[in-house]
Amino acid sequence: MNRTARWLPRALFESVFIVLSILLALAVNEWRDKQARVTRAAEVRTAFANEIRANRDLLLSDPILPHHKRLEAEYRRLSETGSAEAGTVFDTGVHPAPLRDATWRSFSVSGTLVDFAPPDVILLSDIYRAQDDLEKLNSSYIAVMRQPRADHETLEYKRDANRSLSMYFNDVVPLEEKLAGQYERALERLAGK
């Protein structure tokens, strides 16, 4: 019994020490994993901010949104007057915005966004959905505009084309303006974290 009495406290001490060592190792690993996720989330936030800032700057540049506003005003005027004249602002083209979405495509499926606040994820999702909607609108309308038509020289076709362009820019400009506002909100949120 004397021998057991000496051995038991030591065995208990070593057992407790081993359990505490394992718990400490698990806590350290969890802390490291959390730090790695925090660092990764910060890197992804920076990538989103850079892409959104580049898209905002492109959208607000003179060849895109301001140009579309000029086209919208000109084709509204031509449509309202029933003019068959082609707008002169259109001579340089439509200039659809080639907005980037690589960050969204890369990280929306990677699991990194679970570390973002839900309102941030929703805002980012709305932005990239709006970009997709804008791209679809541009692609579908430009495809129709490029279709060869036998009646393209007629007065009726020119009036219809002006009316159609007016309606197109009435859709494009508000969508681009809304997107520019979403970009600003996203940049504020991403900078605030």
C-alpha atoms as a PDB file:
ATOM      1  CA  MET A   1       0.000   0.000   0.000  1.00  0.00           C
ATOM      2  CA  ASN A   2       2.869   2.281   0.757  1.00  0.00           C
ATOM      3  CA  ARG A   3       4.145   1.757  -2.727  1.00  0.00           C
ATOM      4  CA  THR A   4       0.724   2.541  -4.301  1.00  0.00           C
ATOM      5  CA  ALA A   5       0.392   5.630  -2.172  1.00  0.00           C
ATOM      6  CA  ARG A   6       3.650   6.947  -3.609  1.00  0.00           C
ATOM      7  CA  TRP A   7       2.846   5.960  -7.196  1.00  0.00           C
ATOM      8  CA  LEU A   8      -0.787   7.203  -7.387  1.00  0.00           C
ATOM      9  CA  PRO A   9      -0.114  10.949  -6.895  1.00  0.00           C
ATOM     10  CA  ARG A  10       2.643  10.861  -9.449  1.00  0.00           C
ATOM     11  CA  ALA A  11       0.435   9.017 -11.971  1.00  0.00           C
ATOM     12  CA  LEU A  12      -2.386  11.491 -11.402  1.00  0.00           C
ATOM     13  CA  PHE A  13      -0.023  14.428 -11.796  1.00  0.00           C
ATOM     14  CA  GLU A  14       1.394  13.041 -15.048  1.00  0.00           C
ATOM     15  CA  SER A  15      -2.093  12.267 -16.376  1.00  0.00           C
ATOM     16  CA  VAL A  16      -3.313  15.771 -15.609  1.00  0.00           C
ATOM     17  CA  PHE A  17      -0.126  17.211 -17.121  1.00  0.00           C
ATOM     18  CA  ILE A  18      -0.650  15.193 -20.343  1.00  0.00           C
ATOM     19  CA  VAL A  19      -4.320  16.242 -20.610  1.00  0.00           C
ATOM     20  CA  LEU A  20      -3.414  19.899 -20.017  1.00  0.00           C
ATOM     21  CA  SER A  21      -0.619  19.673 -22.602  1.00  0.00           C
ATOM     22  CA  ILE A  22      -3.033  18.267 -25.184  1.00  0.00           C
ATOM     23  CA  LEU A  23      -5.635  20.945 -24.414  1.00  0.00           C
ATOM     24  CA  LEU A  24      -2.991  23.656 -24.647  1.00  0.00           C
ATOM     25  CA  ALA A  25      -1.747  22.291 -27.984  1.00  0.00           C
ATOM     26  CA  LEU A  26      -5.326  22.230 -29.315  1.00  0.00           C
ATOM     27  CA  ALA A  27      -5.902  25.808 -28.124  1.00  0.00           C
ATOM     28  CA  VAL A  28      -2.682  26.983 -29.786  1.00  0.00           C
ATOM     29  CA  ASN A  29      -3.666  25.256 -33.062  1.00  0.00           C
ATOM     30  CA  GLU A  30      -7.129  26.801 -32.910  1.00  0.00           C
ATOM     31  CA  TRP A  31      -5.636  30.242 -32.249  1.00  0.00           C
ATOM     32  CA  ARG A  32      -3.237  29.802 -35.218  1.00  0.00           C
ATOM     33  CA  ASP A  33      -6.095  28.686 -37.485  1.00  0.00           C
ATOM     34  CA  LYS A  34      -8.189  31.663 -36.406  1.00  0.00           C
ATOM     35  CA  GLN A  35      -5.295  34.061 -37.025  1.00  0.00           C
ATOM     36  CA  ALA A  36      -4.720  32.532 -40.462  1.00  0.00           C
ATOM     37  CA  ARG A  37      -8.423  32.952 -41.306  1.00  0.00           C
ATOM     38  CA  VAL A  38      -8.389  36.566 -40.093  1.00  0.00           C
ATOM     39  CA  THR A  39      -5.302  37.281 -42.199  1.00  0.00           C
ATOM     40  CA  ARG A  40      -6.826  35.548 -45.232  1.00  0.00           C
ATOM     41  CA  ALA A  41     -10.105  37.451 -44.825  1.00  0.00           C
ATOM     42  CA  ALA A  42      -8.170  40.746 -44.669  1.00  0.00           C
ATOM     43  CA  GLU A  43      -6.301  39.831 -47.867  1.00  0.00           C
ATOM     44  CA  VAL A  44      -9.584  38.958 -49.605  1.00  0.00           C
ATOM     45  CA  ARG A  45     -11.164  42.232 -48.413  1.00  0.00           C
ATOM     46  CA  THR A  46      -8.225  44.088 -49.945  1.00  0.00           C
ATOM     47  CA  ALA A  47      -8.626  42.163 -53.208  1.00  0.00           C
ATOM     48  CA  PHE A  48     -12.352  43.037 -53.308  1.00  0.00           C
ATOM     49  CA  ALA A  49     -11.623  46.685 -52.525  1.00  0.00           C
ATOM     50  CA  ASN A  50      -9.010  46.878 -55.298  1.00  0.00           C
ATOM     51  CA  GLU A  51     -11.292  45.261 -57.878  1.00  0.00           C
ATOM     52  CA  ILE A  52     -14.317  47.345 -56.891  1.00  0.00           C
ATOM     53  CA  ARG A  53     -12.253  50.549 -56.902  1.00  0.00           C
ATOM     54  CA  ALA A  54     -10.930  49.738 -60.394  1.00  0.00           C
ATOM     55  CA  ASN A  55     -14.458  48.985 -61.621  1.00  0.00           C
ATOM     56  CA  ARG A  56     -15.807  52.197 -60.077  1.00  0.00           C
ATOM     57  CA  ASP A  57     -13.057  54.279 -61.643  1.00  0.00           C
ATOM     58  CA  LEU A  58     -13.638  52.657 -65.027  1.00  0.00           C
ATOM     59  CA  LEU A  59     -17.407  53.085 -64.814  1.00  0.00           C
ATOM     60  CA  LEU A  60     -17.108  56.763 -63.853  1.00  0.00           C
ATOM     61  CA  SER A  61     -14.497  57.515 -66.515  1.00  0.00           C
ATOM     62  CA  ASP A  62     -15.559  59.702 -69.442  1.00  0.00           C
ATOM     63  CA  PRO A  63     -15.829  56.916 -72.053  1.00  0.00           C
ATOM     64  CA  ILE A  64     -18.386  54.984 -69.978  1.00  0.00           C
ATOM     65  CA  LEU A  65     -21.061  56.528 -67.717  1.00  0.00           C
ATOM     66  CA  PRO A  66     -20.657  60.178 -68.783  1.00  0.00           C
ATOM     67  CA  HIS A  67     -20.657  59.035 -72.434  1.00  0.00           C
ATOM     68  CA  HIS A  68     -23.784  56.964 -71.839  1.00  0.00           C
ATOM     69  CA  LYS A  69     -25.482  59.960 -70.214  1.00  0.00           C
ATOM     70  CA  ARG A  70     -24.706  62.066 -73.288  1.00  0.00           C
ATOM     71  CA  LEU A  71     -26.036  59.303 -75.535  1.00  0.00           C
ATOM     72  CA  GLU A  72     -29.148  58.963 -73.377  1.00  0.00           C
ATOM     73  CA  ALA A  73     -29.873  62.698 -73.643  1.00  0.00           C
ATOM     74  CA  GLU A  74     -29.211  62.815 -77.383  1.00  0.00           C
ATOM     75  CA  TYR A  75     -31.301  59.767 -78.239  1.00  0.00           C
ATOM     76  CA  ARG A  76     -34.129  60.889 -75.958  1.00  0.00           C
ATOM     77  CA  ARG A  77     -34.187  64.177 -77.838  1.00  0.00           C
ATOM     78  CA  LEU A  78     -34.082  62.413 -81.216  1.00  0.00           C
ATOM     79  CA  SER A  79     -36.829  60.016 -80.140  1.00  0.00           C
ATOM     80  CA  GLU A  80     -39.022  62.821 -78.795  1.00  0.00           C
ATOM     81  CA  THR A  81     -38.679  64.843 -81.990  1.00  0.00           C
ATOM     82  CA  GLY A  82     -39.212  61.787 -84.210  1.00  0.00           C
ATOM     83  CA  SER A  83     -35.965  62.583 -85.959  1.00  0.00           C
ATOM     84  CA  ALA A  84     -34.449  60.116 -88.364  1.00  0.00           C
ATOM     85  CA  GLU A  85     -30.989  61.592 -87.965  1.00  0.00           C
ATOM     86  CA  ALA A  86     -28.407  59.454 -86.253  1.00  0.00           C
ATOM     87  CA  GLY A  87     -26.882  60.856 -83.099  1.00  0.00           C
ATOM     88  CA  THR A  88     -23.385  62.229 -83.521  1.00  0.00           C
ATOM     89  CA  VAL A  89     -22.288  61.241 -80.014  1.00  0.00           C
ATOM     90  CA  PHE A  90     -22.782  57.634 -81.081  1.00  0.00           C
ATOM     91  CA  ASP A  91     -20.022  57.942 -83.696  1.00  0.00           C
ATOM     92  CA  THR A  92     -17.392  56.648 -81.268  1.00  0.00           C
ATOM     93  CA  GLY A  93     -19.486  53.639 -80.251  1.00  0.00           C
ATOM     94  CA  VAL A  94     -21.428  52.421 -77.234  1.00  0.00           C
ATOM     95  CA  HIS A  95     -18.458  51.680 -74.941  1.00  0.00           C
ATOM     96  CA  PRO A  96     -19.868  48.921 -72.746  1.00  0.00           C
ATOM     97  CA  ALA A  97     -18.008  48.807 -69.443  1.00  0.00           C
ATOM     98  CA  PRO A  98     -15.629  45.817 -69.234  1.00  0.00           C
ATOM     99  CA  LEU A  99     -16.080  45.367 -65.492  1.00  0.00           C
ATOM    100  CA  ARG A 100     -13.909  42.808 -63.711  1.00  0.00           C
ATOM    101  CA  ASP A 101     -15.263  40.012 -61.535  1.00  0.00           C
ATOM    102  CA  ALA A 102     -12.237  37.753 -60.982  1.00  0.00           C
ATOM    103  CA  THR A 103     -12.166  38.307 -57.220  1.00  0.00           C
ATOM    104  CA  TRP A 104     -15.821  37.364 -56.872  1.00  0.00           C
ATOM    105  CA  ARG A 105     -15.431  34.284 -59.076  1.00  0.00           C
ATOM    106  CA  SER A 106     -12.354  33.221 -57.108  1.00  0.00           C
ATOM    107  CA  PHE A 107     -13.519  33.749 -53.551  1.00  0.00           C
ATOM    108  CA  SER A 108     -17.292  33.281 -53.649  1.00  0.00           C
ATOM    109  CA  VAL A 109     -16.732  29.529 -53.929  1.00  0.00           C
ATOM    110  CA  SER A 110     -13.625  29.210 -51.743  1.00  0.00           C
ATOM    111  CA  GLY A 111     -15.257  29.387 -48.322  1.00  0.00           C
ATOM    112  CA  THR A 112     -13.386  32.555 -47.409  1.00  0.00           C
ATOM    113  CA  LEU A 113     -16.587  34.607 -47.371  1.00  0.00           C
ATOM    114  CA  VAL A 114     -17.817  32.751 -44.268  1.00  0.00           C
ATOM    115  CA  ASP A 115     -15.500  35.060 -42.337  1.00  0.00           C
ATOM    116  CA  PHE A 116     -17.252  38.150 -43.752  1.00  0.00           C
ATOM    117  CA  ALA A 117     -20.244  39.781 -42.094  1.00  0.00           C
ATOM    118  CA  PRO A 118     -23.495  38.741 -43.823  1.00  0.00           C
ATOM    119  CA  PRO A 119     -24.350  42.329 -44.900  1.00  0.00           C
ATOM    120  CA  ASP A 120     -20.947  42.542 -46.619  1.00  0.00           C
ATOM    121  CA  VAL A 121     -21.528  39.284 -48.479  1.00  0.00           C
ATOM    122  CA  ILE A 122     -24.993  40.447 -49.564  1.00  0.00           C
ATOM    123  CA  LEU A 123     -23.619  43.781 -50.785  1.00  0.00           C
ATOM    124  CA  LEU A 124     -20.843  42.065 -52.742  1.00  0.00           C
ATOM    125  CA  SER A 125     -23.327  39.594 -54.203  1.00  0.00           C
ATOM    126  CA  ASP A 126     -25.621  42.446 -55.264  1.00  0.00           C
ATOM    127  CA  ILE A 127     -22.726  44.267 -56.911  1.00  0.00           C
ATOM    128  CA  TYR A 128     -21.591  41.319 -58.967  1.00  0.00           C
ATOM    129  CA  ARG A 129     -25.189  40.448 -59.876  1.00  0.00           C
ATOM    130  CA  ALA A 130     -25.708  44.027 -61.110  1.00  0.00           C
ATOM    131  CA  GLN A 131     -22.471  43.800 -63.116  1.00  0.00           C
ATOM    132  CA  ASP A 132     -23.723  40.573 -64.663  1.00  0.00           C
ATOM    133  CA  ASP A 133     -27.104  42.172 -65.458  1.00  0.00           C
ATOM    134  CA  LEU A 134     -25.352  45.112 -67.091  1.00  0.00           C
ATOM    135  CA  GLU A 135     -23.144  42.821 -69.154  1.00  0.00           C
ATOM    136  CA  LYS A 136     -26.169  40.806 -70.319  1.00  0.00           C
ATOM    137  CA  LEU A 137     -28.068  43.972 -71.230  1.00  0.00           C
ATOM    138  CA  ASN A 138     -25.108  45.300 -73.198  1.00  0.00           C
ATOM    139  CA  SER A 139     -24.421  41.993 -74.935  1.00  0.00           C
ATOM    140  CA  SER A 140     -28.006  41.382 -75.967  1.00  0.00           C
ATOM    141  CA  TYR A 141     -28.597  44.900 -77.243  1.00  0.00           C
ATOM    142  CA  ILE A 142     -25.298  45.169 -79.092  1.00  0.00           C
ATOM    143  CA  ALA A 143     -25.963  41.805 -80.747  1.00  0.00           C
ATOM    144  CA  VAL A 144     -29.311  43.108 -81.987  1.00  0.00           C
ATOM    145  CA  MET A 145     -27.762  46.389 -83.173  1.00  0.00           C
ATOM    146  CA  ARG A 146     -25.213  44.515 -85.263  1.00  0.00           C
ATOM    147  CA  GLN A 147     -27.809  42.465 -87.122  1.00  0.00           C
ATOM    148  CA  PRO A 148     -27.827  43.363 -90.807  1.00  0.00           C
ATOM    149  CA  ARG A 149     -31.157  44.739 -91.982  1.00  0.00           C
ATOM    150  CA  ALA A 150     -32.368  45.384 -95.514  1.00  0.00           C
ATOM    151  CA  ASP A 151     -34.431  48.357 -94.381  1.00  0.00           C
ATOM    152  CA  HIS A 152     -31.634  50.157 -92.497  1.00  0.00           C
ATOM    153  CA  GLU A 153     -31.772  53.115 -94.889  1.00  0.00           C
ATOM    154  CA  THR A 154     -35.489  53.741 -94.483  1.00  0.00           C
ATOM    155  CA  LEU A 155     -36.878  56.625 -92.490  1.00  0.00           C
ATOM    156  CA  GLU A 156     -38.997  54.296 -90.348  1.00  0.00           C
ATOM    157  CA  TYR A 157     -36.009  52.132 -89.418  1.00  0.00           C
ATOM    158  CA  LYS A 158     -33.928  55.166 -88.418  1.00  0.00           C
ATOM    159  CA  ARG A 159     -36.734  56.495 -86.215  1.00  0.00           C
ATOM    160  CA  ASP A 160     -37.216  53.074 -84.642  1.00  0.00           C
ATOM    161  CA  ALA A 161     -33.463  52.758 -84.099  1.00  0.00           C
ATOM    162  CA  ASN A 162     -33.362  56.127 -82.337  1.00  0.00           C
ATOM    163  CA  ARG A 163     -36.322  55.152 -80.148  1.00  0.00           C
ATOM    164  CA  SER A 164     -34.706  51.789 -79.404  1.00  0.00           C
ATOM    165  CA  LEU A 165     -31.384  53.427 -78.500  1.00  0.00           C
ATOM    166  CA  SER A 166     -33.217  55.877 -76.266  1.00  0.00           C
ATOM    167  CA  MET A 167     -34.890  53.005 -74.392  1.00  0.00           C
ATOM    168  CA  TYR A 168     -31.584  51.117 -74.171  1.00  0.00           C
ATOM    169  CA  PHE A 169     -29.762  54.066 -72.610  1.00  0.00           C
ATOM    170  CA  ASN A 170     -32.753  54.684 -70.312  1.00  0.00           C
ATOM    171  CA  ASP A 171     -31.998  51.213 -68.911  1.00  0.00           C
ATOM    172  CA  VAL A 172     -28.188  51.352 -68.986  1.00  0.00           C
ATOM    173  CA  VAL A 173     -27.598  54.722 -67.327  1.00  0.00           C
ATOM    174  CA  PRO A 174     -29.689  54.087 -64.172  1.00  0.00           C
ATOM    175  CA  LEU A 175     -28.137  50.634 -63.800  1.00  0.00           C
ATOM    176  CA  GLU A 176     -24.638  52.110 -64.062  1.00  0.00           C
ATOM    177  CA  GLU A 177     -25.500  54.906 -61.610  1.00  0.00           C
ATOM    178  CA  LYS A 178     -26.892  52.375 -59.129  1.00  0.00           C
ATOM    179  CA  LEU A 179     -23.770  50.257 -59.533  1.00  0.00           C
ATOM    180  CA  ALA A 180     -21.539  53.287 -58.882  1.00  0.00           C
ATOM    181  CA  GLY A 181     -23.451  53.891 -55.622  1.00  0.00           C
ATOM    182  CA  GLN A 182     -23.064  50.239 -54.639  1.00  0.00           C
ATOM    183  CA  TYR A 183     -19.334  50.496 -55.316  1.00  0.00           C
ATOM    184  CA  GLU A 184     -19.077  53.476 -52.957  1.00  0.00           C
ATOM    185  CA  ARG A 185     -20.982  51.677 -50.180  1.00  0.00           C
ATOM    186  CA  ALA A 186     -18.856  48.560 -50.597  1.00  0.00           C
ATOM    187  CA  LEU A 187     -15.612  50.536 -50.461  1.00  0.00           C
ATOM    188  CA  GLU A 188     -16.761  52.248 -47.260  1.00  0.00           C
ATOM    189  CA  ARG A 189     -17.695  48.910 -45.675  1.00  0.00           C
ATOM    190  CA  LEU A 190     -14.492  47.184 -46.795  1.00  0.00           C
ATOM    191  CA  ALA A 191     -12.363  50.055 -45.475  1.00  0.00           C
ATOM    192  CA  GLY A 192     -14.225  50.069 -42.158  1.00  0.00           C
ATOM    193  CA  LYS A 193     -13.269  46.498 -41.259  1.00  0.00           C
END
